[in-house]
Full PDB file with SEQRES, HELIX, SHEET, SSBOND, CRYST1, ORIGX, SCALE, CONECT and MASTER records, all heavy atoms in Angstrom:
SEQRES   1 A   44  LEU LEU LEU GLU PHE SER THR LYS TYR ARG VAL VAL ALA          
SEQRES   2 A   44  LEU ASP LEU ARG GLY CYS GLY ALA SER GLU LYS PRO PRO          
SEQRES   3 A   44  GLY ARG ASP SER TYR GLN LEU GLU ILE LEU VAL GLU ASP          
SEQRES   4 A   44  ILE ARG GLN VAL ILE                                          
HELIX    1 AA1 LEU A    2  PHE A    5  1                                   4    
HELIX    2 AA2 ARG A   28  TYR A   31  5                                   4    
HELIX    3 AA3 LEU A   33  VAL A   43  1                                  11    
CRYST1    1.000    1.000    1.000  90.00  90.00  90.00 P 1           1          
ORIGX1      1.000000  0.000000  0.000000        0.00000                         
ORIGX2      0.000000  1.000000  0.000000        0.00000                         
ORIGX3      0.000000  0.000000  1.000000        0.00000                         
SCALE1      1.000000  0.000000  0.000000        0.00000                         
SCALE2      0.000000  1.000000  0.000000        0.00000                         
SCALE3      0.000000  0.000000  1.000000        0.00000                         
ATOM      1  N   LEU A   1      -7.027  10.486  13.341  1.00  0.00           N  
ATOM      2  CA  LEU A   1      -7.434  10.309  11.942  1.00  0.00           C  
ATOM      3  C   LEU A   1      -8.314   9.077  11.773  1.00  0.00           C  
ATOM      4  O   LEU A   1      -9.171   9.042  10.883  1.00  0.00           O  
ATOM      5  CB  LEU A   1      -6.212  10.215  11.031  1.00  0.00           C  
ATOM      6  CG  LEU A   1      -5.345  11.461  10.928  1.00  0.00           C  
ATOM      7  CD1 LEU A   1      -4.323  11.308   9.810  1.00  0.00           C  
ATOM      8  CD2 LEU A   1      -6.183  12.699  10.678  1.00  0.00           C  
ATOM      9  N   LEU A   2      -8.108   8.067  12.609  1.00  0.00           N  
ATOM     10  CA  LEU A   2      -8.997   6.893  12.565  1.00  0.00           C  
ATOM     11  C   LEU A   2     -10.440   7.312  12.805  1.00  0.00           C  
ATOM     12  O   LEU A   2     -11.364   6.797  12.167  1.00  0.00           O  
ATOM     13  CB  LEU A   2      -8.561   5.864  13.607  1.00  0.00           C  
ATOM     14  CG  LEU A   2      -7.355   4.994  13.251  1.00  0.00           C  
ATOM     15  CD1 LEU A   2      -6.767   4.346  14.499  1.00  0.00           C  
ATOM     16  CD2 LEU A   2      -7.752   3.910  12.246  1.00  0.00           C  
ATOM     17  N   LEU A   3     -10.622   8.239  13.711  1.00  0.00           N  
ATOM     18  CA  LEU A   3     -11.977   8.729  13.999  1.00  0.00           C  
ATOM     19  C   LEU A   3     -12.467   9.683  12.919  1.00  0.00           C  
ATOM     20  O   LEU A   3     -13.627   9.634  12.506  1.00  0.00           O  
ATOM     21  CB  LEU A   3     -11.998   9.423  15.361  1.00  0.00           C  
ATOM     22  CG  LEU A   3     -11.688   8.553  16.589  1.00  0.00           C  
ATOM     23  CD1 LEU A   3     -11.571   9.425  17.832  1.00  0.00           C  
ATOM     24  CD2 LEU A   3     -12.763   7.499  16.776  1.00  0.00           C  
ATOM     25  N   GLU A   4     -11.600  10.536  12.455  1.00  0.00           N  
ATOM     26  CA  GLU A   4     -11.984  11.606  11.536  1.00  0.00           C  
ATOM     27  C   GLU A   4     -12.434  11.093  10.181  1.00  0.00           C  
ATOM     28  O   GLU A   4     -13.403  11.582   9.599  1.00  0.00           O  
ATOM     29  CB  GLU A   4     -10.812  12.582  11.364  1.00  0.00           C  
ATOM     30  CG  GLU A   4     -11.088  13.753  10.457  1.00  0.00           C  
ATOM     31  CD  GLU A   4     -12.062  14.746  11.071  1.00  0.00           C  
ATOM     32  OE1 GLU A   4     -12.169  14.788  12.317  1.00  0.00           O  
ATOM     33  OE2 GLU A   4     -12.696  15.484  10.300  1.00  0.00           O  
ATOM     34  N   PHE A   5     -11.737  10.082   9.644  1.00  0.00           N  
ATOM     35  CA  PHE A   5     -11.965   9.677   8.260  1.00  0.00           C  
ATOM     36  C   PHE A   5     -12.719   8.354   8.102  1.00  0.00           C  
ATOM     37  O   PHE A   5     -12.958   7.921   6.981  1.00  0.00           O  
ATOM     38  CB  PHE A   5     -10.620   9.573   7.525  1.00  0.00           C  
ATOM     39  CG  PHE A   5      -9.963  10.904   7.297  1.00  0.00           C  
ATOM     40  CD1 PHE A   5      -8.867  11.291   8.053  1.00  0.00           C  
ATOM     41  CD2 PHE A   5     -10.452  11.779   6.342  1.00  0.00           C  
ATOM     42  CE1 PHE A   5      -8.256  12.524   7.850  1.00  0.00           C  
ATOM     43  CE2 PHE A   5      -9.856  13.013   6.129  1.00  0.00           C  
ATOM     44  CZ  PHE A   5      -8.753  13.388   6.886  1.00  0.00           C  
ATOM     45  N   SER A   6     -13.106   7.736   9.205  1.00  0.00           N  
ATOM     46  CA  SER A   6     -13.713   6.405   9.104  1.00  0.00           C  
ATOM     47  C   SER A   6     -15.130   6.406   8.566  1.00  0.00           C  
ATOM     48  O   SER A   6     -15.679   5.340   8.269  1.00  0.00           O  
ATOM     49  CB  SER A   6     -13.675   5.709  10.468  1.00  0.00           C  
ATOM     50  OG  SER A   6     -14.379   6.464  11.435  1.00  0.00           O  
ATOM     51  N   THR A   7     -15.751   7.567   8.432  1.00  0.00           N  
ATOM     52  CA  THR A   7     -17.087   7.594   7.837  1.00  0.00           C  
ATOM     53  C   THR A   7     -17.029   7.437   6.317  1.00  0.00           C  
ATOM     54  O   THR A   7     -18.001   7.006   5.703  1.00  0.00           O  
ATOM     55  CB  THR A   7     -17.807   8.914   8.178  1.00  0.00           C  
ATOM     56  OG1 THR A   7     -16.999  10.011   7.737  1.00  0.00           O  
ATOM     57  CG2 THR A   7     -18.036   9.015   9.680  1.00  0.00           C  
ATOM     58  N   LYS A   8     -15.887   7.766   5.710  1.00  0.00           N  
ATOM     59  CA  LYS A   8     -15.765   7.706   4.252  1.00  0.00           C  
ATOM     60  C   LYS A   8     -14.784   6.649   3.769  1.00  0.00           C  
ATOM     61  O   LYS A   8     -14.846   6.236   2.612  1.00  0.00           O  
ATOM     62  CB  LYS A   8     -15.315   9.070   3.714  1.00  0.00           C  
ATOM     63  CG  LYS A   8     -16.298  10.189   3.929  1.00  0.00           C  
ATOM     64  CD  LYS A   8     -15.753  11.509   3.422  1.00  0.00           C  
ATOM     65  CE  LYS A   8     -15.412  11.468   1.947  1.00  0.00           C  
ATOM     66  NZ  LYS A   8     -14.932  12.793   1.452  1.00  0.00           N  
ATOM     67  N   TYR A   9     -13.865   6.220   4.660  1.00  0.00           N  
ATOM     68  CA  TYR A   9     -12.800   5.307   4.244  1.00  0.00           C  
ATOM     69  C   TYR A   9     -12.680   4.142   5.217  1.00  0.00           C  
ATOM     70  O   TYR A   9     -13.121   4.216   6.364  1.00  0.00           O  
ATOM     71  CB  TYR A   9     -11.451   6.036   4.193  1.00  0.00           C  
ATOM     72  CG  TYR A   9     -11.424   7.205   3.252  1.00  0.00           C  
ATOM     73  CD1 TYR A   9     -11.589   8.509   3.721  1.00  0.00           C  
ATOM     74  CD2 TYR A   9     -11.233   7.022   1.885  1.00  0.00           C  
ATOM     75  CE1 TYR A   9     -11.567   9.594   2.855  1.00  0.00           C  
ATOM     76  CE2 TYR A   9     -11.208   8.106   1.005  1.00  0.00           C  
ATOM     77  CZ  TYR A   9     -11.376   9.384   1.507  1.00  0.00           C  
ATOM     78  OH  TYR A   9     -11.353  10.458   0.659  1.00  0.00           O  
ATOM     79  N   ARG A  10     -12.058   3.073   4.718  1.00  0.00           N  
ATOM     80  CA  ARG A  10     -11.579   2.032   5.610  1.00  0.00           C  
ATOM     81  C   ARG A  10     -10.167   2.456   6.034  1.00  0.00           C  
ATOM     82  O   ARG A  10      -9.209   2.301   5.290  1.00  0.00           O  
ATOM     83  CB  ARG A  10     -11.529   0.670   4.921  1.00  0.00           C  
ATOM     84  CG  ARG A  10     -11.068  -0.440   5.857  1.00  0.00           C  
ATOM     85  CD  ARG A  10     -10.852  -1.754   5.133  1.00  0.00           C  
ATOM     86  NE  ARG A  10     -10.632  -2.823   6.084  1.00  0.00           N  
ATOM     87  CZ  ARG A  10     -10.290  -4.065   5.751  1.00  0.00           C  
ATOM     88  NH1 ARG A  10     -10.137  -4.395   4.474  1.00  0.00           N  
ATOM     89  NH2 ARG A  10     -10.110  -4.987   6.686  1.00  0.00           N  
ATOM     90  N   VAL A  11     -10.065   3.020   7.216  1.00  0.00           N  
ATOM     91  CA  VAL A  11      -8.800   3.577   7.681  1.00  0.00           C  
ATOM     92  C   VAL A  11      -8.010   2.473   8.380  1.00  0.00           C  
ATOM     93  O   VAL A  11      -8.524   1.812   9.291  1.00  0.00           O  
ATOM     94  CB  VAL A  11      -9.016   4.760   8.634  1.00  0.00           C  
ATOM     95  CG1 VAL A  11      -7.695   5.440   8.942  1.00  0.00           C  
ATOM     96  CG2 VAL A  11     -10.001   5.759   8.031  1.00  0.00           C  
ATOM     97  N   VAL A  12      -6.773   2.273   7.962  1.00  0.00           N  
ATOM     98  CA  VAL A  12      -5.906   1.255   8.551  1.00  0.00           C  
ATOM     99  C   VAL A  12      -4.622   1.923   9.011  1.00  0.00           C  
ATOM    100  O   VAL A  12      -3.898   2.505   8.205  1.00  0.00           O  
ATOM    101  CB  VAL A  12      -5.588   0.131   7.541  1.00  0.00           C  
ATOM    102  CG1 VAL A  12      -4.512  -0.796   8.102  1.00  0.00           C  
ATOM    103  CG2 VAL A  12      -6.844  -0.658   7.204  1.00  0.00           C  
ATOM    104  N   ALA A  13      -4.363   1.872  10.321  1.00  0.00           N  
ATOM    105  CA  ALA A  13      -3.118   2.377  10.893  1.00  0.00           C  
ATOM    106  C   ALA A  13      -2.234   1.172  11.182  1.00  0.00           C  
ATOM    107  O   ALA A  13      -2.536   0.355  12.054  1.00  0.00           O  
ATOM    108  CB  ALA A  13      -3.396   3.170  12.165  1.00  0.00           C  
ATOM    109  N   LEU A  14      -1.149   1.062  10.444  1.00  0.00           N  
ATOM    110  CA  LEU A  14      -0.290  -0.118  10.481  1.00  0.00           C  
ATOM    111  C   LEU A  14       0.874   0.081  11.444  1.00  0.00           C  
ATOM    112  O   LEU A  14       1.464   1.159  11.499  1.00  0.00           O  
ATOM    113  CB  LEU A  14       0.254  -0.382   9.077  1.00  0.00           C  
ATOM    114  CG  LEU A  14       1.194  -1.573   8.881  1.00  0.00           C  
ATOM    115  CD1 LEU A  14       0.442  -2.882   9.056  1.00  0.00           C  
ATOM    116  CD2 LEU A  14       1.842  -1.511   7.494  1.00  0.00           C  
ATOM    117  N   ASP A  15       1.192  -0.958  12.208  1.00  0.00           N  
ATOM    118  CA  ASP A  15       2.465  -1.011  12.909  1.00  0.00           C  
ATOM    119  C   ASP A  15       3.485  -1.601  11.943  1.00  0.00           C  
ATOM    120  O   ASP A  15       3.368  -2.771  11.540  1.00  0.00           O  
ATOM    121  CB  ASP A  15       2.376  -1.901  14.153  1.00  0.00           C  
ATOM    122  CG  ASP A  15       1.823  -1.180  15.366  1.00  0.00           C  
ATOM    123  OD1 ASP A  15       1.852   0.062  15.392  1.00  0.00           O  
ATOM    124  OD2 ASP A  15       1.362  -1.864  16.301  1.00  0.00           O  
ATOM    125  N   LEU A  16       4.471  -0.820  11.554  1.00  0.00           N  
ATOM    126  CA  LEU A  16       5.487  -1.318  10.645  1.00  0.00           C  
ATOM    127  C   LEU A  16       6.259  -2.471  11.281  1.00  0.00           C  
ATOM    128  O   LEU A  16       6.290  -2.627  12.505  1.00  0.00           O  
ATOM    129  CB  LEU A  16       6.455  -0.191  10.266  1.00  0.00           C  
ATOM    130  CG  LEU A  16       5.850   0.994   9.505  1.00  0.00           C  
ATOM    131  CD1 LEU A  16       6.879   2.108   9.363  1.00  0.00           C  
ATOM    132  CD2 LEU A  16       5.348   0.553   8.132  1.00  0.00           C  
ATOM    133  N   ARG A  17       6.870  -3.260  10.444  1.00  0.00           N  
ATOM    134  CA  ARG A  17       7.708  -4.375  10.894  1.00  0.00           C  
ATOM    135  C   ARG A  17       8.677  -3.899  11.989  1.00  0.00           C  
ATOM    136  O   ARG A  17       9.363  -2.898  11.856  1.00  0.00           O  
ATOM    137  CB  ARG A  17       8.495  -4.906   9.702  1.00  0.00           C  
ATOM    138  CG  ARG A  17       9.594  -5.898  10.029  1.00  0.00           C  
ATOM    139  CD  ARG A  17      10.438  -6.192   8.823  1.00  0.00           C  
ATOM    140  NE  ARG A  17       9.692  -6.925   7.812  1.00  0.00           N  
ATOM    141  CZ  ARG A  17       9.992  -8.158   7.382  1.00  0.00           C  
ATOM    142  NH1 ARG A  17      11.046  -8.781   7.876  1.00  0.00           N  
ATOM    143  NH2 ARG A  17       9.270  -8.739   6.445  1.00  0.00           N  
ATOM    144  N   GLY A  18       8.696  -4.643  13.096  1.00  0.00           N  
ATOM    145  CA  GLY A  18       9.606  -4.309  14.185  1.00  0.00           C  
ATOM    146  C   GLY A  18       9.114  -3.233  15.122  1.00  0.00           C  
ATOM    147  O   GLY A  18       9.807  -2.874  16.077  1.00  0.00           O  
ATOM    148  N   CYS A  19       7.905  -2.714  14.885  1.00  0.00           N  
ATOM    149  CA  CYS A  19       7.380  -1.604  15.680  1.00  0.00           C  
ATOM    150  C   CYS A  19       6.047  -1.988  16.315  1.00  0.00           C  
ATOM    151  O   CYS A  19       5.323  -2.835  15.799  1.00  0.00           O  
ATOM    152  CB  CYS A  19       7.195  -0.360  14.814  1.00  0.00           C  
ATOM    153  SG  CYS A  19       8.685   0.199  13.974  1.00  0.00           S  
ATOM    154  N   GLY A  20       5.719  -1.319  17.419  1.00  0.00           N  
ATOM    155  CA  GLY A  20       4.429  -1.538  18.060  1.00  0.00           C  
ATOM    156  C   GLY A  20       4.205  -3.001  18.377  1.00  0.00           C  
ATOM    157  O   GLY A  20       5.063  -3.686  18.945  1.00  0.00           O  
ATOM    158  N   ALA A  21       3.035  -3.505  17.968  1.00  0.00           N  
ATOM    159  CA  ALA A  21       2.672  -4.892  18.237  1.00  0.00           C  
ATOM    160  C   ALA A  21       2.973  -5.829  17.070  1.00  0.00           C  
ATOM    161  O   ALA A  21       2.621  -7.005  17.121  1.00  0.00           O  
ATOM    162  CB  ALA A  21       1.188  -4.974  18.603  1.00  0.00           C  
ATOM    163  N   SER A  22       3.588  -5.314  16.005  1.00  0.00           N  
ATOM    164  CA  SER A  22       3.992  -6.191  14.900  1.00  0.00           C  
ATOM    165  C   SER A  22       5.203  -7.014  15.322  1.00  0.00           C  
ATOM    166  O   SER A  22       5.952  -6.644  16.242  1.00  0.00           O  
ATOM    167  CB  SER A  22       4.347  -5.362  13.653  1.00  0.00           C  
ATOM    168  OG  SER A  22       3.185  -4.847  13.054  1.00  0.00           O  
ATOM    169  N   GLU A  23       5.396  -8.137  14.647  1.00  0.00           N  
ATOM    170  CA  GLU A  23       6.519  -8.999  14.993  1.00  0.00           C  
ATOM    171  C   GLU A  23       7.839  -8.296  14.704  1.00  0.00           C  
ATOM    172  O   GLU A  23       7.919  -7.427  13.828  1.00  0.00           O  
ATOM    173  CB  GLU A  23       6.421 -10.325  14.243  1.00  0.00           C  
ATOM    174  CG  GLU A  23       5.321 -11.222  14.776  1.00  0.00           C  
ATOM    175  CD  GLU A  23       5.388 -12.628  14.226  1.00  0.00           C  
ATOM    176  OE1 GLU A  23       5.842 -12.807  13.082  1.00  0.00           O  
ATOM    177  OE2 GLU A  23       4.958 -13.553  14.943  1.00  0.00           O  
ATOM    178  N   LYS A  24       8.858  -8.709  15.438  1.00  0.00           N  
ATOM    179  CA  LYS A  24      10.166  -8.056  15.391  1.00  0.00           C  
ATOM    180  C   LYS A  24      11.249  -9.087  15.109  1.00  0.00           C  
ATOM    181  O   LYS A  24      11.937  -9.539  16.035  1.00  0.00           O  
ATOM    182  CB  LYS A  24      10.417  -7.334  16.712  1.00  0.00           C  
ATOM    183  CG  LYS A  24       9.344  -6.305  17.062  1.00  0.00           C  
ATOM    184  CD  LYS A  24       9.481  -5.795  18.481  1.00  0.00           C  
ATOM    185  CE  LYS A  24       8.432  -4.733  18.785  1.00  0.00           C  
ATOM    186  NZ  LYS A  24       7.056  -5.228  18.625  1.00  0.00           N  
ATOM    187  N   PRO A  25      11.419  -9.485  13.861  1.00  0.00           N  
ATOM    188  CA  PRO A  25      12.477 -10.444  13.561  1.00  0.00           C  
ATOM    189  C   PRO A  25      13.834  -9.867  13.926  1.00  0.00           C  
ATOM    190  O   PRO A  25      14.079  -8.679  13.744  1.00  0.00           O  
ATOM    191  CB  PRO A  25      12.344 -10.667  12.052  1.00  0.00           C  
ATOM    192  CG  PRO A  25      11.615  -9.475  11.543  1.00  0.00           C  
ATOM    193  CD  PRO A  25      10.702  -9.055  12.648  1.00  0.00           C  
ATOM    194  N   PRO A  26      14.739 -10.699  14.462  1.00  0.00           N  
ATOM    195  CA  PRO A  26      16.053 -10.191  14.864  1.00  0.00           C  
ATOM    196  C   PRO A  26      16.947  -9.962  13.653  1.00  0.00           C  
ATOM    197  O   PRO A  26      16.727 -10.517  12.585  1.00  0.00           O  
ATOM    198  CB  PRO A  26      16.601 -11.320  15.748  1.00  0.00           C  
ATOM    199  CG  PRO A  26      15.943 -12.558  15.201  1.00  0.00           C  
ATOM    200  CD  PRO A  26      14.576 -12.137  14.754  1.00  0.00           C  
ATOM    201  N   GLY A  27      17.935  -9.117  13.854  1.00  0.00           N  
ATOM    202  CA  GLY A  27      18.944  -8.941  12.825  1.00  0.00           C  
ATOM    203  C   GLY A  27      18.667  -7.778  11.900  1.00  0.00           C  
ATOM    204  O   GLY A  27      17.537  -7.544  11.472  1.00  0.00           O  
ATOM    205  N   ARG A  28      19.729  -7.055  11.578  1.00  0.00           N  
ATOM    206  CA  ARG A  28      19.634  -5.879  10.721  1.00  0.00           C  
ATOM    207  C   ARG A  28      19.104  -6.213   9.325  1.00  0.00           C  
ATOM    208  O   ARG A  28      18.377  -5.432   8.721  1.00  0.00           O  
ATOM    209  CB  ARG A  28      21.026  -5.246  10.626  1.00  0.00           C  
ATOM    210  CG  ARG A  28      21.176  -4.151   9.619  1.00  0.00           C  
ATOM    211  CD  ARG A  28      22.566  -3.550   9.700  1.00  0.00           C  
ATOM    212  NE  ARG A  28      22.843  -2.662   8.580  1.00  0.00           N  
ATOM    213  CZ  ARG A  28      23.911  -1.901   8.489  1.00  0.00           C  
ATOM    214  NH1 ARG A  28      24.817  -1.924   9.449  1.00  0.00           N  
ATOM    215  NH2 ARG A  28      24.096  -1.122   7.446  1.00  0.00           N  
ATOM    216  N   ASP A  29      19.460  -7.382   8.798  1.00  0.00           N  
ATOM    217  CA  ASP A  29      19.073  -7.731   7.429  1.00  0.00           C  
ATOM    218  C   ASP A  29      17.566  -7.846   7.250  1.00  0.00           C  
ATOM    219  O   ASP A  29      17.069  -7.775   6.125  1.00  0.00           O  
ATOM    220  CB  ASP A  29      19.742  -9.048   7.008  1.00  0.00           C  
ATOM    221  CG  ASP A  29      21.237  -8.886   6.779  1.00  0.00           C  
ATOM    222  OD1 ASP A  29      21.697  -7.727   6.706  1.00  0.00           O  
ATOM    223  OD2 ASP A  29      21.940  -9.905   6.702  1.00  0.00           O  
ATOM    224  N   SER A  30      16.830  -8.023   8.337  1.00  0.00           N  
ATOM    225  CA  SER A  30      15.367  -8.145   8.250  1.00  0.00           C  
ATOM    226  C   SER A  30      14.675  -6.806   8.028  1.00  0.00           C  
ATOM    227  O   SER A  30      13.452  -6.770   7.861  1.00  0.00           O  
ATOM    228  CB  SER A  30      14.813  -8.782   9.533  1.00  0.00           C  
ATOM    229  OG  SER A  30      15.279 -10.108   9.689  1.00  0.00           O  
ATOM    230  N   TYR A  31      15.458  -5.716   8.016  1.00  0.00           N  
ATOM    231  CA  TYR A  31      14.877  -4.380   7.907  1.00  0.00           C  
ATOM    232  C   TYR A  31      15.453  -3.607   6.727  1.00  0.00           C  
ATOM    233  O   TYR A  31      15.511  -2.382   6.750  1.00  0.00           O  
ATOM    234  CB  TYR A  31      15.081  -3.627   9.226  1.00  0.00           C  
ATOM    235  CG  TYR A  31      14.426  -4.351  10.372  1.00  0.00           C  
ATOM    236  CD1 TYR A  31      15.147  -5.290  11.108  1.00  0.00           C  
ATOM    237  CD2 TYR A  31      13.083  -4.176  10.669  1.00  0.00           C  
ATOM    238  CE1 TYR A  31      14.536  -6.004  12.134  1.00  0.00           C  
ATOM    239  CE2 TYR A  31      12.467  -4.884  11.680  1.00  0.00           C  
ATOM    240  CZ  TYR A  31      13.202  -5.805  12.416  1.00  0.00           C  
ATOM    241  OH  TYR A  31      12.590  -6.522  13.406  1.00  0.00           O  
ATOM    242  N   GLN A  32      15.853  -4.334   5.695  1.00  0.00           N  
ATOM    243  CA  GLN A  32      16.302  -3.681   4.474  1.00  0.00           C  
ATOM    244  C   GLN A  32      15.122  -3.019   3.779  1.00  0.00           C  
ATOM    245  O   GLN A  32      13.974  -3.460   3.889  1.00  0.00           O  
ATOM    246  CB  GLN A  32      16.971  -4.694   3.554  1.00  0.00           C  
ATOM    247  CG  GLN A  32      18.240  -5.291   4.134  1.00  0.00           C  
ATOM    248  CD  GLN A  32      18.856  -6.345   3.239  1.00  0.00           C  
ATOM    249  OE1 GLN A  32      18.639  -6.342   2.031  1.00  0.00           O  
ATOM    250  NE2 GLN A  32      19.604  -7.257   3.826  1.00  0.00           N  
ATOM    251  N   LEU A  33      15.413  -1.955   3.051  1.00  0.00           N  
ATOM    252  CA  LEU A  33      14.361  -1.122   2.467  1.00  0.00           C  
ATOM    253  C   LEU A  33      13.411  -1.922   1.583  1.00  0.00           C  
ATOM    254  O   LEU A  33      12.183  -1.765   1.667  1.00  0.00           O  
ATOM    255  CB  LEU A  33      14.998   0.013   1.673  1.00  0.00           C  
ATOM    256  CG  LEU A  33      14.058   1.118   1.205  1.00  0.00           C  
ATOM    257  CD1 LEU A  33      13.428   1.841   2.388  1.00  0.00           C  
ATOM    258  CD2 LEU A  33      14.807   2.123   0.323  1.00  0.00           C  
ATOM    259  N   GLU A  34      13.939  -2.789   0.753  1.00  0.00           N  
ATOM    260  CA  GLU A  34      13.078  -3.547  -0.157  1.00  0.00           C  
ATOM    261  C   GLU A  34      12.157  -4.499   0.603  1.00  0.00           C  
ATOM    262  O   GLU A  34      11.027  -4.763   0.168  1.00  0.00           O  
ATOM    263  CB  GLU A  34      13.913  -4.313  -1.183  1.00  0.00           C  
ATOM    264  CG  GLU A  34      14.894  -5.315  -0.618  1.00  0.00           C  
ATOM    265  CD  GLU A  34      16.266  -4.711  -0.348  1.00  0.00           C  
ATOM    266  OE1 GLU A  34      16.352  -3.474  -0.205  1.00  0.00           O  
ATOM    267  OE2 GLU A  34      17.248  -5.489  -0.277  1.00  0.00           O  
ATOM    268  N   ILE A  35      12.608  -4.996   1.758  1.00  0.00           N  
ATOM    269  CA  ILE A  35      11.764  -5.875   2.569  1.00  0.00           C  
ATOM    270  C   ILE A  35      10.631  -5.079   3.204  1.00  0.00           C  
ATOM    271  O   ILE A  35       9.480  -5.525   3.251  1.00  0.00           O  
ATOM    272  CB  ILE A  35      12.612  -6.576   3.651  1.00  0.00           C  
ATOM    273  CG1 ILE A  35      13.612  -7.527   2.997  1.00  0.00           C  
ATOM    274  CG2 ILE A  35      11.731  -7.318   4.633  1.00  0.00           C  
ATOM    275  CD1 ILE A  35      14.581  -8.181   3.978  1.00  0.00           C  
ATOM    276  N   LEU A  36      10.937  -3.887   3.689  1.00  0.00           N  
ATOM    277  CA  LEU A  36       9.914  -3.026   4.291  1.00  0.00           C  
ATOM    278  C   LEU A  36       8.858  -2.623   3.267  1.00  0.00           C  
ATOM    279  O   LEU A  36       7.658  -2.594   3.567  1.00  0.00           O  
ATOM    280  CB  LEU A  36      10.576  -1.787   4.888  1.00  0.00           C  
ATOM    281  CG  LEU A  36      11.646  -2.035   5.954  1.00  0.00           C  
ATOM    282  CD1 LEU A  36      12.336  -0.727   6.329  1.00  0.00           C  
ATOM    283  CD2 LEU A  36      11.045  -2.698   7.186  1.00  0.00           C  
ATOM    284  N   VAL A  37       9.314  -2.302   2.058  1.00  0.00           N  
ATOM    285  CA  VAL A  37       8.369  -1.934   0.997  1.00  0.00           C  
ATOM    286  C   VAL A  37       7.499  -3.123   0.620  1.00  0.00           C  
ATOM    287  O   VAL A  37       6.290  -2.981   0.384  1.00  0.00           O  
ATOM    288  CB  VAL A  37       9.140  -1.403  -0.236  1.00  0.00           C  
ATOM    289  CG1 VAL A  37       8.199  -1.201  -1.417  1.00  0.00           C  
ATOM    290  CG2 VAL A  37       9.825  -0.081   0.104  1.00  0.00           C  
ATOM    291  N   GLU A  38       8.072  -4.307   0.586  1.00  0.00           N  
ATOM    292  CA  GLU A  38       7.298  -5.500   0.248  1.00  0.00           C  
ATOM    293  C   GLU A  38       6.219  -5.769   1.293  1.00  0.00           C  
ATOM    294  O   GLU A  38       5.116  -6.200   0.959  1.00  0.00           O  
ATOM    295  CB  GLU A  38       8.231  -6.704   0.116  1.00  0.00           C  
ATOM    296  CG  GLU A  38       7.539  -8.033  -0.168  1.00  0.00           C  
ATOM    297  CD  GLU A  38       6.763  -8.055  -1.481  1.00  0.00           C  
ATOM    298  OE1 GLU A  38       6.971  -7.156  -2.338  1.00  0.00           O  
ATOM    299  OE2 GLU A  38       5.935  -8.976  -1.653  1.00  0.00           O  
ATOM    300  N   ASP A  39       6.518  -5.504   2.568  1.00  0.00           N  
ATOM    301  CA  ASP A  39       5.489  -5.624   3.612  1.00  0.00           C  
ATOM    302  C   ASP A  39       4.272  -4.773   3.262  1.00  0.00           C  
ATOM    303  O   ASP A  39       3.121  -5.229   3.333  1.00  0.00           O  
ATOM    304  CB  ASP A  39       6.035  -5.151   4.959  1.00  0.00           C  
ATOM    305  CG  ASP A  39       6.969  -6.153   5.619  1.00  0.00           C  
ATOM    306  OD1 ASP A  39       7.017  -7.313   5.183  1.00  0.00           O  
ATOM    307  OD2 ASP A  39       7.648  -5.753   6.581  1.00  0.00           O  
ATOM    308  N   ILE A  40       4.527  -3.523   2.889  1.00  0.00           N  
ATOM    309  CA  ILE A  40       3.428  -2.605   2.600  1.00  0.00           C  
ATOM    310  C   ILE A  40       2.679  -3.034   1.345  1.00  0.00           C  
ATOM    311  O   ILE A  40       1.450  -2.953   1.283  1.00  0.00           O  
ATOM    312  CB  ILE A  40       3.966  -1.171   2.459  1.00  0.00           C  
ATOM    313  CG1 ILE A  40       4.642  -0.748   3.771  1.00  0.00           C  
ATOM    314  CG2 ILE A  40       2.847  -0.192   2.113  1.00  0.00           C  
ATOM    315  CD1 ILE A  40       5.453   0.519   3.656  1.00  0.00           C  
ATOM    316  N   ARG A  41       3.412  -3.492   0.347  1.00  0.00           N  
ATOM    317  CA  ARG A  41       2.752  -3.970  -0.874  1.00  0.00           C  
ATOM    318  C   ARG A  41       1.776  -5.093  -0.553  1.00  0.00           C  
ATOM    319  O   ARG A  41       0.639  -5.112  -1.045  1.00  0.00           O  
ATOM    320  CB  ARG A  41       3.783  -4.455  -1.895  1.00  0.00           C  
ATOM    321  CG  ARG A  41       3.170  -4.817  -3.256  1.00  0.00           C  
ATOM    322  CD  ARG A  41       4.110  -5.633  -4.116  1.00  0.00           C  
ATOM    323  NE  ARG A  41       4.333  -6.951  -3.569  1.00  0.00           N  
ATOM    324  CZ  ARG A  41       3.481  -7.967  -3.701  1.00  0.00           C  
ATOM    325  NH1 ARG A  41       2.328  -7.810  -4.351  1.00  0.00           N  
ATOM    326  NH2 ARG A  41       3.753  -9.147  -3.176  1.00  0.00           N  
ATOM    327  N   GLN A  42       2.192  -6.017   0.283  1.00  0.00           N  
ATOM    328  CA  GLN A  42       1.321  -7.137   0.614  1.00  0.00           C  
ATOM    329  C   GLN A  42       0.126  -6.697   1.447  1.00  0.00           C  
ATOM    330  O   GLN A  42      -0.967  -7.259   1.311  1.00  0.00           O  
ATOM    331  CB  GLN A  42       2.118  -8.216   1.346  1.00  0.00           C  
ATOM    332  CG  GLN A  42       3.135  -8.921   0.455  1.00  0.00           C  
ATOM    333  CD  GLN A  42       3.739 -10.140   1.112  1.00  0.00           C  
ATOM    334  OE1 GLN A  42       3.104 -10.832   1.894  1.00  0.00           O  
ATOM    335  NE2 GLN A  42       4.993 -10.425   0.789  1.00  0.00           N  
ATOM    336  N   VAL A  43       0.313  -5.696   2.292  1.00  0.00           N  
ATOM    337  CA  VAL A  43      -0.822  -5.162   3.058  1.00  0.00           C  
ATOM    338  C   VAL A  43      -1.850  -4.559   2.110  1.00  0.00           C  
ATOM    339  O   VAL A  43      -3.069  -4.778   2.265  1.00  0.00           O  
ATOM    340  CB  VAL A  43      -0.337  -4.117   4.083  1.00  0.00           C  
ATOM    341  CG1 VAL A  43      -1.522  -3.355   4.671  1.00  0.00           C  
ATOM    342  CG2 VAL A  43       0.461  -4.786   5.192  1.00  0.00           C  
ATOM    343  N   ILE A  44      -1.394  -3.801   1.123  1.00  0.00           N  
ATOM    344  CA  ILE A  44      -2.327  -3.204   0.159  1.00  0.00           C  
ATOM    345  C   ILE A  44      -3.026  -4.287  -0.656  1.00  0.00           C  
ATOM    346  O   ILE A  44      -4.234  -4.215  -0.904  1.00  0.00           O  
ATOM    347  CB  ILE A  44      -1.587  -2.223  -0.764  1.00  0.00           C  
ATOM    348  CG1 ILE A  44      -1.006  -1.062   0.051  1.00  0.00           C  
ATOM    349  CG2 ILE A  44      -2.532  -1.674  -1.838  1.00  0.00           C  
ATOM    350  CD1 ILE A  44      -0.107  -0.142  -0.750  1.00  0.00           C  
TER     351      ILE A  44                                                      
MASTER        0    0    0    3    0    0    0    6  350    1    0    4          
END                                                                             
């Protein structure tokens, strides 16, 4: 999709918190739903 849609859009494929090359803070509390949503809000 990065290739398919990049002529019309700024395509951004995000590594979510704790995944891929994004940082991985320890502990279950770092992955609460509201924290994950806030990550995406700040990216937008």
